[in-house]
């Protein structure tokens, strides 16, 4: 089956055919780095991480570009408030935001061009826009003439006549039309300044992505993506700028990620419900968070809640149990021809189950990256594998090795079973110190503070809390240990721990 993806530009699912066979060029709008990365960013970048991984699974070489907006009104205002150089301020938050996404387990893009480092390319594109009759200079500012671009509104479905109603020119602007937007802004006190043919100033926001994507990927490339909120005006303006400058088609496919809600409400600073990634990682394992985002279809608006994460956490345990069983039975074996791996009728049937699982996963992902169906196929395979082990407790090791290979390969696309990149990677001395502090917070100490004695003391503390029906304390201990890389298993003889 050919991969089908929903193209915002055509509003239909289309077969994905890259410009170059076996290569995918993808540009995704990145962060405006004026504050820490939050779960809205996580939603978008986990989605594109999965999309990129599936392209690679299909044998494509992906070149993934994600910009950094480090020159912006919000950045300038925040930096000036703190008395810091705006570029120094944005560099600080660039590092913090990328580190937080690293901790979440989102793979980095191949390239992160910055607005401040792409000024020459922007100036060149603005010059082309003016030369081709789509832009004009007004007292040091440069504007794009929206009415001069015939296809304006095509991407977002906007009607220029309707947009004009209520539109107005802000004080200080010298637009010919209220819908026109800035390509270049003349210098103002307290702002970064670059020289240009139209006088000193800085670029408008929209021009950076058009200039970056065209200069790096070429005037026409495969995929442009971002959050649903960027569809208008940002992406609409990008199309107009790029095609006005080059005279060629811009991105061939447009992908937009559904916006996240939190407990049924839109994420908003005014409501005060924005959650930073780093704060969430103190309470939840990165893999649980990635699974939450990955299980939602990329175009849907997932609703974030603690209950949703708890349900994800329970489902994850089932995946780990099957992985461990397959690993145990596959010890000491290597890849072999699947057709030679069976000895019994049950094993022949299980081999068919493995093939069907892979096909169901690919069918789901080929249908516009349908991750809900992909996860459903994963859990169904878990159920069938457990039934297989019940009926066949001593299966052929090579068959289990084959099943494990397919299971891990598919799971990797969905960002599962990645190396830990958050505090569970601390060295033992740092972990011991954290365990000591945790135990001390419950008014207890360990006579000999080794990792083993501290963990045992914390398990006992958790058991005491459960007996007193203090389930919050018991759950807090479990979550903290999970975050540090330790899993608690409640057995008939009491709780035990193991490193993940």
Foldseek 3Di string as FASTA:
>chain_A
DFFWAQFLLVRGTDRADFPDPQEAEEEEEADAQQDAAFVQRVLWLLQVLLVVLVSVVVRHHYQYEYEYEQADPSLLVSCVVVVHQSNVNSVVRVVRRVLLVVQLQRDDGPYYHYQVVLQVLLLLLLVLLVVLPQWDADQLWIKGNQVVQPCQCSSVVDDVVVVQVPQDDDPPDDDPGSPIDTQWDEDDPSHDWDQHPSGIGGGDDQSSSLSVCCVPVNLEGEEYEYAPVCSPPRVSVSQRSSCSRPVDGHYPGYYHFAGEAEPPHHDDVVVPPTGGSVVVLQQARSQLSLLLSLLDQRHHHYYDDPVSSVVSVVLVVLLVVLLVLLCVLQPPHDADDLVPFADDPLLVVLSVLLVVLLVQLVVCCSHNHNNNSNVVSLVVNSVVSVVSCVVPVRGRNNSSVVSSVSSVSSVVSSVPPDPRDPQLPDDQVVVLVVLQVVQVVVVDGFPDSHPVRSVVSLQVVLVVCVVVVVVVSNSRSQSNVVSNQKHWDQDPVGIDIDGD
